[in-house]
Amino acid sequence: MITSYALSTTGLKCADLGLPEVAIVQQTEHIVDREVDAAFARDNLAKLNPQQLHLVDAIFKAIDEIQEGQLAKCRAFFLDGPGGSGKTMVYNTLISALRARGFQVQTDSQRCL
């Protein structure tokens, strides 16, 4: 079982907050081709609408500030929208752009029914 570092420092567990415990089901090795990721990100960035591009720019700005040592404020981003509004495209663009910049990116999803 995985317990978030933030939770473990407070002594809380996911169940204490009404959240399900998270288990690693499978880990796979992903070989990253930074050139392919850069091309994918570049192509998709050109296709984003103004609202999507604003979000991506805000996330990149936050990452740059963290790298520069500006840790004064908490940064969390929440992307919501109806089906077909481009959420997955934004996520895939961010993932590829970050991998192209040399970041290791881990993704996870959980569906609650």
PDB file of N, CA and C in Angstrom:
ATOM      1  N   MET A   1       0.830  -1.180   0.000  1.00  0.00           N
ATOM      2  CA  MET A   1       0.000   0.000   0.000  1.00  0.00           C
ATOM      3  C   MET A   1       0.880   1.252   0.000  1.00  0.00           C
ATOM      4  N   ILE A   2       0.361   2.252  -0.652  1.00  0.00           N
ATOM      5  CA  ILE A   2       1.074   3.526  -0.714  1.00  0.00           C
ATOM      6  C   ILE A   2       0.335   4.530   0.148  1.00  0.00           C
ATOM      7  N   THR A   3       1.047   5.227   0.975  1.00  0.00           N
ATOM      8  CA  THR A   3       0.452   6.311   1.732  1.00  0.00           C
ATOM      9  C   THR A   3       1.176   7.583   1.329  1.00  0.00           C
ATOM     10  N   SER A   4       0.433   8.594   1.007  1.00  0.00           N
ATOM     11  CA  SER A   4       1.023   9.854   0.601  1.00  0.00           C
ATOM     12  C   SER A   4       1.947  10.376   1.689  1.00  0.00           C
ATOM     13  N   TYR A   5       3.066  10.967   1.260  1.00  0.00           N
ATOM     14  CA  TYR A   5       3.998  11.555   2.217  1.00  0.00           C
ATOM     15  C   TYR A   5       3.294  12.609   3.067  1.00  0.00           C
ATOM     16  N   ALA A   6       2.450  13.421   2.417  1.00  0.00           N
ATOM     17  CA  ALA A   6       1.744  14.470   3.160  1.00  0.00           C
ATOM     18  C   ALA A   6       0.840  13.869   4.218  1.00  0.00           C
ATOM     19  N   LEU A   7       0.178  12.775   3.913  1.00  0.00           N
ATOM     20  CA  LEU A   7      -0.667  12.126   4.903  1.00  0.00           C
ATOM     21  C   LEU A   7       0.169  11.478   5.994  1.00  0.00           C
ATOM     22  N   SER A   8       1.240  10.814   5.596  1.00  0.00           N
ATOM     23  CA  SER A   8       2.037  10.094   6.586  1.00  0.00           C
ATOM     24  C   SER A   8       2.686  11.043   7.585  1.00  0.00           C
ATOM     25  N   THR A   9       2.990  12.259   7.178  1.00  0.00           N
ATOM     26  CA  THR A   9       3.595  13.204   8.114  1.00  0.00           C
ATOM     27  C   THR A   9       2.591  13.696   9.144  1.00  0.00           C
ATOM     28  N   THR A  10       1.298  13.593   8.827  1.00  0.00           N
ATOM     29  CA  THR A  10       0.260  14.009   9.774  1.00  0.00           C
ATOM     30  C   THR A  10      -0.278  12.839  10.575  1.00  0.00           C
ATOM     31  N   GLY A  11       0.120  11.616  10.203  1.00  0.00           N
ATOM     32  CA  GLY A  11      -0.377  10.435  10.890  1.00  0.00           C
ATOM     33  C   GLY A  11      -1.720   9.961  10.356  1.00  0.00           C
ATOM     34  N   LEU A  12      -2.202  10.597   9.297  1.00  0.00           N
ATOM     35  CA  LEU A  12      -3.482  10.210   8.706  1.00  0.00           C
ATOM     36  C   LEU A  12      -3.291   9.129   7.657  1.00  0.00           C
ATOM     37  N   LYS A  13      -4.361   8.420   7.406  1.00  0.00           N
ATOM     38  CA  LYS A  13      -4.394   7.445   6.314  1.00  0.00           C
ATOM     39  C   LYS A  13      -5.534   7.834   5.393  1.00  0.00           C
ATOM     40  N   CYS A  14      -5.518   7.303   4.185  1.00  0.00           N
ATOM     41  CA  CYS A  14      -6.573   7.604   3.224  1.00  0.00           C
ATOM     42  C   CYS A  14      -7.953   7.338   3.818  1.00  0.00           C
ATOM     43  N   ALA A  15      -8.096   6.232   4.531  1.00  0.00           N
ATOM     44  CA  ALA A  15      -9.390   5.858   5.110  1.00  0.00           C
ATOM     45  C   ALA A  15      -9.881   6.900   6.114  1.00  0.00           C
ATOM     46  N   ASP A  16      -8.962   7.583   6.804  1.00  0.00           N
ATOM     47  CA  ASP A  16      -9.353   8.620   7.758  1.00  0.00           C
ATOM     48  C   ASP A  16     -10.077   9.772   7.076  1.00  0.00           C
ATOM     49  N   LEU A  17      -9.815   9.935   5.795  1.00  0.00           N
ATOM     50  CA  LEU A  17     -10.430  11.021   5.037  1.00  0.00           C
ATOM     51  C   LEU A  17     -11.533  10.525   4.119  1.00  0.00           C
ATOM     52  N   GLY A  18     -11.915   9.251   4.281  1.00  0.00           N
ATOM     53  CA  GLY A  18     -12.969   8.697   3.441  1.00  0.00           C
ATOM     54  C   GLY A  18     -12.504   8.353   2.044  1.00  0.00           C
ATOM     55  N   LEU A  19     -11.198   8.208   1.867  1.00  0.00           N
ATOM     56  CA  LEU A  19     -10.630   7.879   0.560  1.00  0.00           C
ATOM     57  C   LEU A  19     -10.206   6.419   0.535  1.00  0.00           C
ATOM     58  N   PRO A  20     -10.274   5.788  -0.636  1.00  0.00           N
ATOM     59  CA  PRO A  20      -9.830   4.398  -0.724  1.00  0.00           C
ATOM     60  C   PRO A  20      -8.307   4.309  -0.645  1.00  0.00           C
ATOM     61  N   GLU A  21      -7.814   3.205  -0.110  1.00  0.00           N
ATOM     62  CA  GLU A  21      -6.374   2.972  -0.108  1.00  0.00           C
ATOM     63  C   GLU A  21      -5.922   2.766  -1.549  1.00  0.00           C
ATOM     64  N   VAL A  22      -4.708   3.150  -1.840  1.00  0.00           N
ATOM     65  CA  VAL A  22      -4.168   3.040  -3.192  1.00  0.00           C
ATOM     66  C   VAL A  22      -3.144   1.921  -3.209  1.00  0.00           C
ATOM     67  N   ALA A  23      -3.254   1.043  -4.171  1.00  0.00           N
ATOM     68  CA  ALA A  23      -2.298  -0.053  -4.306  1.00  0.00           C
ATOM     69  C   ALA A  23      -1.679  -0.020  -5.695  1.00  0.00           C
ATOM     70  N   ILE A  24      -0.420  -0.367  -5.787  1.00  0.00           N
ATOM     71  CA  ILE A  24       0.225  -0.473  -7.086  1.00  0.00           C
ATOM     72  C   ILE A  24      -0.158  -1.822  -7.672  1.00  0.00           C
ATOM     73  N   VAL A  25      -0.827  -1.777  -8.804  1.00  0.00           N
ATOM     74  CA  VAL A  25      -1.250  -3.008  -9.453  1.00  0.00           C
ATOM     75  C   VAL A  25      -0.173  -3.493 -10.400  1.00  0.00           C
ATOM     76  N   GLN A  26       0.388  -2.560 -11.149  1.00  0.00           N
ATOM     77  CA  GLN A  26       1.393  -2.947 -12.131  1.00  0.00           C
ATOM     78  C   GLN A  26       2.308  -1.761 -12.386  1.00  0.00           C
ATOM     79  N   GLN A  27       3.576  -2.028 -12.456  1.00  0.00           N
ATOM     80  CA  GLN A  27       4.520  -1.009 -12.859  1.00  0.00           C
ATOM     81  C   GLN A  27       5.161  -1.469 -14.149  1.00  0.00           C
ATOM     82  N   THR A  28       5.229  -0.556 -15.095  1.00  0.00           N
ATOM     83  CA  THR A  28       5.867  -0.880 -16.360  1.00  0.00           C
ATOM     84  C   THR A  28       6.952   0.135 -16.629  1.00  0.00           C
ATOM     85  N   GLU A  29       7.964  -0.285 -17.340  1.00  0.00           N
ATOM     86  CA  GLU A  29       9.032   0.624 -17.720  1.00  0.00           C
ATOM     87  C   GLU A  29       8.637   1.315 -19.005  1.00  0.00           C
ATOM     88  N   HIS A  30       8.749   2.618 -19.010  1.00  0.00           N
ATOM     89  CA  HIS A  30       8.413   3.392 -20.193  1.00  0.00           C
ATOM     90  C   HIS A  30       9.689   4.026 -20.718  1.00  0.00           C
ATOM     91  N   ILE A  31      10.002   3.754 -21.945  1.00  0.00           N
ATOM     92  CA  ILE A  31      11.178   4.347 -22.559  1.00  0.00           C
ATOM     93  C   ILE A  31      10.761   5.685 -23.161  1.00  0.00           C
ATOM     94  N   VAL A  32      11.410   6.738 -22.734  1.00  0.00           N
ATOM     95  CA  VAL A  32      11.048   8.079 -23.169  1.00  0.00           C
ATOM     96  C   VAL A  32      11.953   8.510 -24.311  1.00  0.00           C
ATOM     97  N   ASP A  33      11.342   8.916 -25.402  1.00  0.00           N
ATOM     98  CA  ASP A  33      12.065   9.498 -26.531  1.00  0.00           C
ATOM     99  C   ASP A  33      11.761  10.990 -26.499  1.00  0.00           C
ATOM    100  N   ARG A  34      12.702  11.765 -26.019  1.00  0.00           N
ATOM    101  CA  ARG A  34      12.459  13.193 -25.816  1.00  0.00           C
ATOM    102  C   ARG A  34      12.144  13.924 -27.109  1.00  0.00           C
ATOM    103  N   GLU A  35      12.716  13.488 -28.207  1.00  0.00           N
ATOM    104  CA  GLU A  35      12.433  14.144 -29.496  1.00  0.00           C
ATOM    105  C   GLU A  35      10.993  13.888 -29.934  1.00  0.00           C
ATOM    106  N   VAL A  36      10.526  12.656 -29.754  1.00  0.00           N
ATOM    107  CA  VAL A  36       9.139  12.323 -30.102  1.00  0.00           C
ATOM    108  C   VAL A  36       8.183  13.098 -29.208  1.00  0.00           C
ATOM    109  N   ASP A  37       8.482  13.145 -27.898  1.00  0.00           N
ATOM    110  CA  ASP A  37       7.642  13.892 -26.973  1.00  0.00           C
ATOM    111  C   ASP A  37       7.630  15.382 -27.310  1.00  0.00           C
ATOM    112  N   ALA A  38       8.782  15.933 -27.681  1.00  0.00           N
ATOM    113  CA  ALA A  38       8.850  17.359 -28.029  1.00  0.00           C
ATOM    114  C   ALA A  38       8.004  17.659 -29.261  1.00  0.00           C
ATOM    115  N   ALA A  39       8.073  16.798 -30.261  1.00  0.00           N
ATOM    116  CA  ALA A  39       7.274  17.003 -31.480  1.00  0.00           C
ATOM    117  C   ALA A  39       5.785  16.901 -31.180  1.00  0.00           C
ATOM    118  N   PHE A  40       5.408  15.915 -30.372  1.00  0.00           N
ATOM    119  CA  PHE A  40       4.004  15.732 -30.005  1.00  0.00           C
ATOM    120  C   PHE A  40       3.495  16.959 -29.245  1.00  0.00           C
ATOM    121  N   ALA A  41       4.279  17.411 -28.276  1.00  0.00           N
ATOM    122  CA  ALA A  41       3.884  18.572 -27.474  1.00  0.00           C
ATOM    123  C   ALA A  41       3.783  19.816 -28.347  1.00  0.00           C
ATOM    124  N   ARG A  42       4.746  20.023 -29.213  1.00  0.00           N
ATOM    125  CA  ARG A  42       4.741  21.192 -30.095  1.00  0.00           C
ATOM    126  C   ARG A  42       3.496  21.196 -30.990  1.00  0.00           C
ATOM    127  N   ASP A  43       3.177  20.041 -31.568  1.00  0.00           N
ATOM    128  CA  ASP A  43       1.993  19.935 -32.424  1.00  0.00           C
ATOM    129  C   ASP A  43       0.713  20.201 -31.637  1.00  0.00           C
ATOM    130  N   ASN A  44       0.612  19.625 -30.448  1.00  0.00           N
ATOM    131  CA  ASN A  44      -0.607  19.791 -29.651  1.00  0.00           C
ATOM    132  C   ASN A  44      -0.735  21.184 -29.060  1.00  0.00           C
ATOM    133  N   LEU A  45       0.382  21.807 -28.683  1.00  0.00           N
ATOM    134  CA  LEU A  45       0.311  23.174 -28.149  1.00  0.00           C
ATOM    135  C   LEU A  45      -0.315  24.117 -29.174  1.00  0.00           C
ATOM    136  N   ALA A  46      -0.026  23.871 -30.439  1.00  0.00           N
ATOM    137  CA  ALA A  46      -0.588  24.714 -31.504  1.00  0.00           C
ATOM    138  C   ALA A  46      -2.091  24.501 -31.664  1.00  0.00           C
ATOM    139  N   LYS A  47      -2.612  23.393 -31.162  1.00  0.00           N
ATOM    140  CA  LYS A  47      -4.034  23.068 -31.311  1.00  0.00           C
ATOM    141  C   LYS A  47      -4.878  23.458 -30.101  1.00  0.00           C
ATOM    142  N   LEU A  48      -4.243  23.847 -28.998  1.00  0.00           N
ATOM    143  CA  LEU A  48      -4.988  24.180 -27.790  1.00  0.00           C
ATOM    144  C   LEU A  48      -5.773  25.471 -27.959  1.00  0.00           C
ATOM    145  N   ASN A  49      -6.954  25.517 -27.360  1.00  0.00           N
ATOM    146  CA  ASN A  49      -7.727  26.757 -27.382  1.00  0.00           C
ATOM    147  C   ASN A  49      -7.152  27.711 -26.332  1.00  0.00           C
ATOM    148  N   PRO A  50      -7.582  28.979 -26.314  1.00  0.00           N
ATOM    149  CA  PRO A  50      -6.978  29.945 -25.379  1.00  0.00           C
ATOM    150  C   PRO A  50      -7.068  29.544 -23.910  1.00  0.00           C
ATOM    151  N   GLN A  51      -8.186  28.954 -23.481  1.00  0.00           N
ATOM    152  CA  GLN A  51      -8.323  28.551 -22.085  1.00  0.00           C
ATOM    153  C   GLN A  51      -7.366  27.405 -21.752  1.00  0.00           C
ATOM    154  N   GLN A  52      -7.252  26.443 -22.644  1.00  0.00           N
ATOM    155  CA  GLN A  52      -6.342  25.325 -22.419  1.00  0.00           C
ATOM    156  C   GLN A  52      -4.901  25.814 -22.379  1.00  0.00           C
ATOM    157  N   LEU A  53      -4.553  26.692 -23.294  1.00  0.00           N
ATOM    158  CA  LEU A  53      -3.191  27.222 -23.350  1.00  0.00           C
ATOM    159  C   LEU A  53      -2.868  28.028 -22.090  1.00  0.00           C
ATOM    160  N   HIS A  54      -3.850  28.761 -21.579  1.00  0.00           N
ATOM    161  CA  HIS A  54      -3.655  29.523 -20.341  1.00  0.00           C
ATOM    162  C   HIS A  54      -3.308  28.583 -19.182  1.00  0.00           C
ATOM    163  N   LEU A  55      -4.017  27.466 -19.081  1.00  0.00           N
ATOM    164  CA  LEU A  55      -3.737  26.485 -18.023  1.00  0.00           C
ATOM    165  C   LEU A  55      -2.339  25.901 -18.176  1.00  0.00           C
ATOM    166  N   VAL A  56      -2.002  25.484 -19.383  1.00  0.00           N
ATOM    167  CA  VAL A  56      -0.679  24.900 -19.633  1.00  0.00           C
ATOM    168  C   VAL A  56       0.416  25.915 -19.291  1.00  0.00           C
ATOM    169  N   ASP A  57       0.237  27.159 -19.718  1.00  0.00           N
ATOM    170  CA  ASP A  57       1.227  28.196 -19.401  1.00  0.00           C
ATOM    171  C   ASP A  57       1.361  28.410 -17.892  1.00  0.00           C
ATOM    172  N   ALA A  58       0.226  28.392 -17.172  1.00  0.00           N
ATOM    173  CA  ALA A  58       0.266  28.571 -15.712  1.00  0.00           C
ATOM    174  C   ALA A  58       1.017  27.427 -15.039  1.00  0.00           C
ATOM    175  N   ILE A  59       0.821  26.215 -15.522  1.00  0.00           N
ATOM    176  CA  ILE A  59       1.517  25.064 -14.950  1.00  0.00           C
ATOM    177  C   ILE A  59       3.014  25.144 -15.227  1.00  0.00           C
ATOM    178  N   PHE A  60       3.382  25.499 -16.458  1.00  0.00           N
ATOM    179  CA  PHE A  60       4.806  25.651 -16.778  1.00  0.00           C
ATOM    180  C   PHE A  60       5.438  26.763 -15.936  1.00  0.00           C
ATOM    181  N   LYS A  61       4.710  27.857 -15.735  1.00  0.00           N
ATOM    182  CA  LYS A  61       5.226  28.955 -14.923  1.00  0.00           C
ATOM    183  C   LYS A  61       5.459  28.487 -13.491  1.00  0.00           C
ATOM    184  N   ALA A  62       4.509  27.724 -12.943  1.00  0.00           N
ATOM    185  CA  ALA A  62       4.655  27.215 -11.576  1.00  0.00           C
ATOM    186  C   ALA A  62       5.865  26.289 -11.464  1.00  0.00           C
ATOM    187  N   ILE A  63       6.047  25.439 -12.462  1.00  0.00           N
ATOM    188  CA  ILE A  63       7.197  24.527 -12.452  1.00  0.00           C
ATOM    189  C   ILE A  63       8.502  25.311 -12.524  1.00  0.00           C
ATOM    190  N   ASP A  64       8.548  26.321 -13.390  1.00  0.00           N
ATOM    191  CA  ASP A  64       9.753  27.148 -13.503  1.00  0.00           C
ATOM    192  C   ASP A  64      10.053  27.871 -12.189  1.00  0.00           C
ATOM    193  N   GLU A  65       9.002  28.368 -11.530  1.00  0.00           N
ATOM    194  CA  GLU A  65       9.206  29.053 -10.247  1.00  0.00           C
ATOM    195  C   GLU A  65       9.746  28.096  -9.193  1.00  0.00           C
ATOM    196  N   ILE A  66       9.232  26.882  -9.165  1.00  0.00           N
ATOM    197  CA  ILE A  66       9.719  25.888  -8.201  1.00  0.00           C
ATOM    198  C   ILE A  66      11.186  25.585  -8.470  1.00  0.00           C
ATOM    199  N   GLN A  67      11.546  25.436  -9.748  1.00  0.00           N
ATOM    200  CA  GLN A  67      12.944  25.161 -10.091  1.00  0.00           C
ATOM    201  C   GLN A  67      13.862  26.313  -9.708  1.00  0.00           C
ATOM    202  N   GLU A  68      13.309  27.518  -9.700  1.00  0.00           N
ATOM    203  CA  GLU A  68      14.098  28.696  -9.321  1.00  0.00           C
ATOM    204  C   GLU A  68      14.138  28.892  -7.811  1.00  0.00           C
ATOM    205  N   GLY A  69      13.493  27.983  -7.068  1.00  0.00           N
ATOM    206  CA  GLY A  69      13.521  28.049  -5.610  1.00  0.00           C
ATOM    207  C   GLY A  69      12.401  28.849  -4.987  1.00  0.00           C
ATOM    208  N   GLN A  70      11.403  29.223  -5.756  1.00  0.00           N
ATOM    209  CA  GLN A  70      10.277  29.990  -5.225  1.00  0.00           C
ATOM    210  C   GLN A  70       9.206  29.021  -4.727  1.00  0.00           C
ATOM    211  N   LEU A  71       9.340  28.612  -3.475  1.00  0.00           N
ATOM    212  CA  LEU A  71       8.424  27.630  -2.901  1.00  0.00           C
ATOM    213  C   LEU A  71       7.440  28.255  -1.918  1.00  0.00           C
ATOM    214  N   ALA A  72       7.235  29.546  -2.009  1.00  0.00           N
ATOM    215  CA  ALA A  72       6.448  30.244  -0.999  1.00  0.00           C
ATOM    216  C   ALA A  72       4.964  29.901  -1.016  1.00  0.00           C
ATOM    217  N   LYS A  73       4.413  29.494  -2.133  1.00  0.00           N
ATOM    218  CA  LYS A  73       2.977  29.237  -2.173  1.00  0.00           C
ATOM    219  C   LYS A  73       2.685  27.839  -2.719  1.00  0.00           C
ATOM    220  N   CYS A  74       1.573  27.323  -2.275  1.00  0.00           N
ATOM    221  CA  CYS A  74       1.137  26.001  -2.730  1.00  0.00           C
ATOM    222  C   CYS A  74       0.544  26.126  -4.129  1.00  0.00           C
ATOM    223  N   ARG A  75       0.825  25.168  -4.960  1.00  0.00           N
ATOM    224  CA  ARG A  75       0.303  25.199  -6.318  1.00  0.00           C
ATOM    225  C   ARG A  75      -0.404  23.882  -6.607  1.00  0.00           C
ATOM    226  N   ALA A  76      -1.692  23.974  -6.875  1.00  0.00           N
ATOM    227  CA  ALA A  76      -2.478  22.813  -7.280  1.00  0.00           C
ATOM    228  C   ALA A  76      -3.361  23.253  -8.437  1.00  0.00           C
ATOM    229  N   PHE A  77      -3.503  22.408  -9.415  1.00  0.00           N
ATOM    230  CA  PHE A  77      -4.304  22.728 -10.579  1.00  0.00           C
ATOM    231  C   PHE A  77      -5.377  21.668 -10.735  1.00  0.00           C
ATOM    232  N   PHE A  78      -6.577  22.111 -11.005  1.00  0.00           N
ATOM    233  CA  PHE A  78      -7.705  21.213 -11.181  1.00  0.00           C
ATOM    234  C   PHE A  78      -8.304  21.481 -12.549  1.00  0.00           C
ATOM    235  N   LEU A  79      -8.386  20.450 -13.362  1.00  0.00           N
ATOM    236  CA  LEU A  79      -8.922  20.570 -14.718  1.00  0.00           C
ATOM    237  C   LEU A  79     -10.241  19.825 -14.769  1.00  0.00           C
ATOM    238  N   ASP A  80     -11.291  20.534 -15.114  1.00  0.00           N
ATOM    239  CA  ASP A  80     -12.624  19.946 -15.156  1.00  0.00           C
ATOM    240  C   ASP A  80     -13.309  20.422 -16.425  1.00  0.00           C
ATOM    241  N   GLY A  81     -14.180  19.605 -16.937  1.00  0.00           N
ATOM    242  CA  GLY A  81     -14.953  19.983 -18.113  1.00  0.00           C
ATOM    243  C   GLY A  81     -15.767  18.811 -18.596  1.00  0.00           C
ATOM    244  N   PRO A  82     -16.747  19.097 -19.438  1.00  0.00           N
ATOM    245  CA  PRO A  82     -17.587  18.013 -19.965  1.00  0.00           C
ATOM    246  C   PRO A  82     -16.791  17.135 -20.930  1.00  0.00           C
ATOM    247  N   GLY A  83     -17.333  15.956 -21.187  1.00  0.00           N
ATOM    248  CA  GLY A  83     -16.707  15.049 -22.143  1.00  0.00           C
ATOM    249  C   GLY A  83     -16.505  15.731 -23.485  1.00  0.00           C
ATOM    250  N   GLY A  84     -15.344  15.518 -24.076  1.00  0.00           N
ATOM    251  CA  GLY A  84     -15.063  16.092 -25.386  1.00  0.00           C
ATOM    252  C   GLY A  84     -14.522  17.506 -25.351  1.00  0.00           C
ATOM    253  N   SER A  85     -14.248  18.034 -24.153  1.00  0.00           N
ATOM    254  CA  SER A  85     -13.771  19.418 -24.059  1.00  0.00           C
ATOM    255  C   SER A  85     -12.249  19.540 -24.159  1.00  0.00           C
ATOM    256  N   GLY A  86     -11.537  18.423 -24.243  1.00  0.00           N
ATOM    257  CA  GLY A  86     -10.092  18.479 -24.452  1.00  0.00           C
ATOM    258  C   GLY A  86      -9.232  18.255 -23.232  1.00  0.00           C
ATOM    259  N   LYS A  87      -9.816  17.726 -22.155  1.00  0.00           N
ATOM    260  CA  LYS A  87      -9.025  17.492 -20.935  1.00  0.00           C
ATOM    261  C   LYS A  87      -7.878  16.511 -21.202  1.00  0.00           C
ATOM    262  N   THR A  88      -8.175  15.427 -21.879  1.00  0.00           N
ATOM    263  CA  THR A  88      -7.145  14.420 -22.153  1.00  0.00           C
ATOM    264  C   THR A  88      -6.054  15.000 -23.048  1.00  0.00           C
ATOM    265  N   MET A  89      -6.436  15.835 -23.997  1.00  0.00           N
ATOM    266  CA  MET A  89      -5.437  16.462 -24.867  1.00  0.00           C
ATOM    267  C   MET A  89      -4.511  17.358 -24.050  1.00  0.00           C
ATOM    268  N   VAL A  90      -5.074  18.094 -23.103  1.00  0.00           N
ATOM    269  CA  VAL A  90      -4.251  18.950 -22.238  1.00  0.00           C
ATOM    270  C   VAL A  90      -3.289  18.089 -21.419  1.00  0.00           C
ATOM    271  N   TYR A  91      -3.810  17.034 -20.807  1.00  0.00           N
ATOM    272  CA  TYR A  91      -2.947  16.146 -20.014  1.00  0.00           C
ATOM    273  C   TYR A  91      -1.828  15.540 -20.867  1.00  0.00           C
ATOM    274  N   ASN A  92      -2.186  15.006 -22.022  1.00  0.00           N
ATOM    275  CA  ASN A  92      -1.180  14.381 -22.888  1.00  0.00           C
ATOM    276  C   ASN A  92      -0.146  15.389 -23.369  1.00  0.00           C
ATOM    277  N   THR A  93      -0.584  16.602 -23.644  1.00  0.00           N
ATOM    278  CA  THR A  93       0.341  17.658 -24.059  1.00  0.00           C
ATOM    279  C   THR A  93       1.300  18.001 -22.927  1.00  0.00           C
ATOM    280  N   LEU A  94       0.761  18.159 -21.718  1.00  0.00           N
ATOM    281  CA  LEU A  94       1.610  18.451 -20.559  1.00  0.00           C
ATOM    282  C   LEU A  94       2.626  17.341 -20.309  1.00  0.00           C
ATOM    283  N   ILE A  95       2.159  16.108 -20.355  1.00  0.00           N
ATOM    284  CA  ILE A  95       3.043  14.971 -20.106  1.00  0.00           C
ATOM    285  C   ILE A  95       4.182  14.951 -21.117  1.00  0.00           C
ATOM    286  N   SER A  96       3.850  15.096 -22.387  1.00  0.00           N
ATOM    287  CA  SER A  96       4.891  15.069 -23.424  1.00  0.00           C
ATOM    288  C   SER A  96       5.838  16.253 -23.300  1.00  0.00           C
ATOM    289  N   ALA A  97       5.297  17.434 -23.025  1.00  0.00           N
ATOM    290  CA  ALA A  97       6.155  18.619 -22.891  1.00  0.00           C
ATOM    291  C   ALA A  97       7.104  18.474 -21.713  1.00  0.00           C
ATOM    292  N   LEU A  98       6.609  17.943 -20.604  1.00  0.00           N
ATOM    293  CA  LEU A  98       7.467  17.764 -19.432  1.00  0.00           C
ATOM    294  C   LEU A  98       8.523  16.694 -19.672  1.00  0.00           C
ATOM    295  N   ARG A  99       8.142  15.611 -20.320  1.00  0.00           N
ATOM    296  CA  ARG A  99       9.131  14.572 -20.649  1.00  0.00           C
ATOM    297  C   ARG A  99      10.187  15.121 -21.599  1.00  0.00           C
ATOM    298  N   ALA A 100       9.763  15.949 -22.550  1.00  0.00           N
ATOM    299  CA  ALA A 100      10.719  16.549 -23.477  1.00  0.00           C
ATOM    300  C   ALA A 100      11.705  17.454 -22.754  1.00  0.00           C
ATOM    301  N   ARG A 101      11.274  18.036 -21.637  1.00  0.00           N
ATOM    302  CA  ARG A 101      12.148  18.898 -20.825  1.00  0.00           C
ATOM    303  C   ARG A 101      12.995  18.089 -19.846  1.00  0.00           C
ATOM    304  N   GLY A 102      12.860  16.763 -19.873  1.00  0.00           N
ATOM    305  CA  GLY A 102      13.689  15.909 -19.031  1.00  0.00           C
ATOM    306  C   GLY A 102      13.064  15.508 -17.712  1.00  0.00           C
ATOM    307  N   PHE A 103      11.819  15.855 -17.478  1.00  0.00           N
ATOM    308  CA  PHE A 103      11.143  15.457 -16.249  1.00  0.00           C
ATOM    309  C   PHE A 103      10.684  14.009 -16.341  1.00  0.00           C
ATOM    310  N   GLN A 104      10.696  13.329 -15.208  1.00  0.00           N
ATOM    311  CA  GLN A 104      10.081  12.009 -15.128  1.00  0.00           C
ATOM    312  C   GLN A 104       8.629  12.234 -14.737  1.00  0.00           C
ATOM    313  N   VAL A 105       7.715  11.694 -15.524  1.00  0.00           N
ATOM    314  CA  VAL A 105       6.297  11.915 -15.296  1.00  0.00           C
ATOM    315  C   VAL A 105       5.630  10.588 -14.986  1.00  0.00           C
ATOM    316  N   GLN A 106       4.906  10.562 -13.877  1.00  0.00           N
ATOM    317  CA  GLN A 106       4.146   9.376 -13.481  1.00  0.00           C
ATOM    318  C   GLN A 106       2.679   9.750 -13.504  1.00  0.00           C
ATOM    319  N   THR A 107       1.877   8.959 -14.182  1.00  0.00           N
ATOM    320  CA  THR A 107       0.446   9.233 -14.225  1.00  0.00           C
ATOM    321  C   THR A 107      -0.320   8.127 -13.547  1.00  0.00           C
ATOM    322  N   ASP A 108      -1.494   8.487 -13.075  1.00  0.00           N
ATOM    323  CA  ASP A 108      -2.370   7.523 -12.411  1.00  0.00           C
ATOM    324  C   ASP A 108      -3.782   8.050 -12.530  1.00  0.00           C
ATOM    325  N   SER A 109      -4.716   7.145 -12.548  1.00  0.00           N
ATOM    326  CA  SER A 109      -6.112   7.575 -12.546  1.00  0.00           C
ATOM    327  C   SER A 109      -6.916   6.579 -11.739  1.00  0.00           C
ATOM    328  N   GLN A 110      -7.989   7.086 -11.208  1.00  0.00           N
ATOM    329  CA  GLN A 110      -8.894   6.221 -10.448  1.00  0.00           C
ATOM    330  C   GLN A 110     -10.296   6.682 -10.785  1.00  0.00           C
ATOM    331  N   ARG A 111     -11.128   5.734 -11.083  1.00  0.00           N
ATOM    332  CA  ARG A 111     -12.517   6.062 -11.376  1.00  0.00           C
ATOM    333  C   ARG A 111     -13.369   5.668 -10.187  1.00  0.00           C
ATOM    334  N   CYS A 112     -14.164   6.586  -9.749  1.00  0.00           N
ATOM    335  CA  CYS A 112     -15.093   6.324  -8.661  1.00  0.00           C
ATOM    336  C   CYS A 112     -16.490   6.250  -9.264  1.00  0.00           C
ATOM    337  N   LEU A 113     -17.136   5.138  -9.085  1.00  0.00           N
ATOM    338  CA  LEU A 113     -18.478   4.981  -9.631  1.00  0.00           C
ATOM    339  C   LEU A 113     -19.506   5.100  -8.535  1.00  0.00           C
TER     340      LEU A 113
END
